[in-house]
């Protein structure tokens, strides 16, 4: 796993926990596209993502400001991905939003 490089707090985090459906056609390509697009958005600090063999996944994206985070939600390609996620790719999901007020690092998280 590669850790996102975040500044000293405060900053924002969007935690997206999901369970894939059986219909994942096109999912991997869209995930790659959305990750690349998000990384170019103003205020994006990075993301960390993992997926288990059972299809459960968690992606955490980090944002400099709440406004940056909210703006990303309405980017056209992201809106399309959200719609396809609801219609095809996810059995279910939960999105949580938090402001990071403290963070700690050890070991490989500090390496460049």
Protein backbone atom coordinates (compact mmCIF):
# COMPACT_ATOMS: atom_id res chain seq x y z
CA UNK A 1 0.00 0.00 0.00
CA UNK A 2 1.17 3.49 -0.78
CA UNK A 3 0.28 6.06 1.84
CA UNK A 4 -1.16 9.42 0.78
CA UNK A 5 1.14 12.33 1.53
CA UNK A 6 -0.94 14.67 3.64
CA UNK A 7 0.01 18.00 5.24
CA UNK A 8 -0.24 18.78 8.90
CA UNK A 9 -3.91 18.76 9.96
CA UNK A 10 -6.54 19.96 9.63
CA UNK A 11 -7.70 18.48 6.33
CA UNK A 12 -10.69 16.42 5.20
CA UNK A 13 -11.22 12.72 4.51
CA UNK A 14 -13.93 10.93 2.53
CA UNK A 15 -14.16 7.27 3.57
CA UNK A 16 -15.96 5.14 0.98
CA UNK A 17 -16.69 1.57 2.09
CA UNK A 18 -18.33 -0.66 -0.49
CA UNK A 19 -19.26 -4.19 -1.53
CA UNK A 20 -18.98 -5.08 -5.20
CA UNK A 21 -21.88 -6.72 -7.01
CA UNK A 22 -21.47 -9.61 -9.43
CA UNK A 23 -21.64 -7.16 -12.38
CA UNK A 24 -18.20 -5.52 -12.40
CA UNK A 25 -17.81 -5.05 -16.16
CA UNK A 26 -16.02 -1.76 -16.72
CA UNK A 27 -15.45 -1.16 -13.01
CA UNK A 28 -11.64 -1.42 -12.96
CA UNK A 29 -11.21 0.95 -15.90
CA UNK A 30 -13.58 3.48 -14.36
CA UNK A 31 -11.86 3.21 -10.97
CA UNK A 32 -8.50 3.95 -12.62
CA UNK A 33 -9.98 6.90 -14.54
CA UNK A 34 -11.64 8.37 -11.45
CA UNK A 35 -8.49 7.96 -9.34
CA UNK A 36 -6.44 9.81 -11.97
CA UNK A 37 -9.06 12.56 -12.38
CA UNK A 38 -9.42 13.04 -8.62
CA UNK A 39 -5.67 13.38 -8.21
CA UNK A 40 -5.76 16.41 -10.54
CA UNK A 41 -8.59 18.19 -8.73
CA UNK A 42 -7.83 21.34 -6.73
CA UNK A 43 -7.19 20.46 -3.11
CA UNK A 44 -6.83 16.70 -3.58
CA UNK A 45 -4.12 15.43 -1.24
CA UNK A 46 -4.21 11.80 -2.34
CA UNK A 47 -6.03 8.56 -1.62
CA UNK A 48 -5.54 5.10 -0.16
CA UNK A 49 -7.53 2.10 -1.33
CA UNK A 50 -7.78 -1.60 -0.49
CA UNK A 51 -10.05 -4.42 -1.65
CA UNK A 52 -10.56 -7.86 -0.08
CA UNK A 53 -11.04 -11.07 -2.04
CA UNK A 54 -14.74 -11.04 -1.06
CA UNK A 55 -15.26 -7.73 -2.92
CA UNK A 56 -15.32 -5.46 0.13
CA UNK A 57 -13.33 -2.29 -0.48
CA UNK A 58 -12.40 0.90 1.30
CA UNK A 59 -11.07 4.04 -0.34
CA UNK A 60 -10.12 7.09 1.67
CA UNK A 61 -9.52 10.32 -0.25
CA UNK A 62 -7.99 13.34 1.43
CA UNK A 63 -8.84 16.98 0.69
CA UNK A 64 -7.30 20.29 1.71
CA UNK A 65 -10.65 22.02 2.34
CA UNK A 66 -14.29 21.11 2.67
CA UNK A 67 -15.01 23.19 -0.44
CA UNK A 68 -12.49 21.16 -2.48
CA UNK A 69 -14.10 17.94 -1.29
CA UNK A 70 -17.64 19.13 -2.13
CA UNK A 71 -16.53 20.37 -5.57
CA UNK A 72 -15.18 16.89 -6.43
CA UNK A 73 -18.59 15.35 -5.75
CA UNK A 74 -20.10 17.28 -8.67
CA UNK A 75 -17.37 16.74 -11.33
CA UNK A 76 -19.20 15.28 -14.35
CA UNK A 77 -17.14 12.08 -14.73
CA UNK A 78 -17.46 11.44 -11.00
CA UNK A 79 -21.23 11.88 -11.21
CA UNK A 80 -21.32 9.25 -14.00
CA UNK A 81 -19.20 6.85 -11.90
CA UNK A 82 -21.50 7.38 -8.91
CA UNK A 83 -24.55 6.57 -11.04
CA UNK A 84 -22.98 3.42 -12.49
CA UNK A 85 -21.90 2.37 -9.00
CA UNK A 86 -25.48 2.60 -7.76
CA UNK A 87 -26.95 0.92 -10.84
CA UNK A 88 -24.40 -1.87 -11.45
CA UNK A 89 -21.19 -2.16 -9.49
CA UNK A 90 -22.10 -2.02 -5.80
CA UNK A 91 -24.34 -4.21 -3.70
CA UNK A 92 -24.10 -1.43 -1.16
CA UNK A 93 -21.86 1.29 0.15
CA UNK A 94 -21.41 3.84 2.92
CA UNK A 95 -19.70 7.21 2.51
CA UNK A 96 -18.40 8.95 5.60
CA UNK A 97 -16.88 12.42 5.77
CA UNK A 98 -14.53 13.54 8.52
CA UNK A 99 -12.20 16.37 9.34
CA UNK A 100 -8.78 15.10 10.32
CA UNK A 101 -7.56 16.99 13.36
CA UNK A 102 -4.61 14.74 14.27
CA UNK A 103 -2.51 12.19 12.47
CA UNK A 104 0.43 9.97 13.38
CA UNK A 105 2.90 8.02 11.26
CA UNK A 106 5.47 5.29 11.77
CA UNK A 107 7.86 3.33 9.60
CA UNK A 108 7.15 2.97 5.92
CA UNK A 109 4.43 5.64 6.07
CA UNK A 110 7.26 8.16 6.41
CA UNK A 111 9.30 6.90 3.46
CA UNK A 112 9.17 8.81 0.20
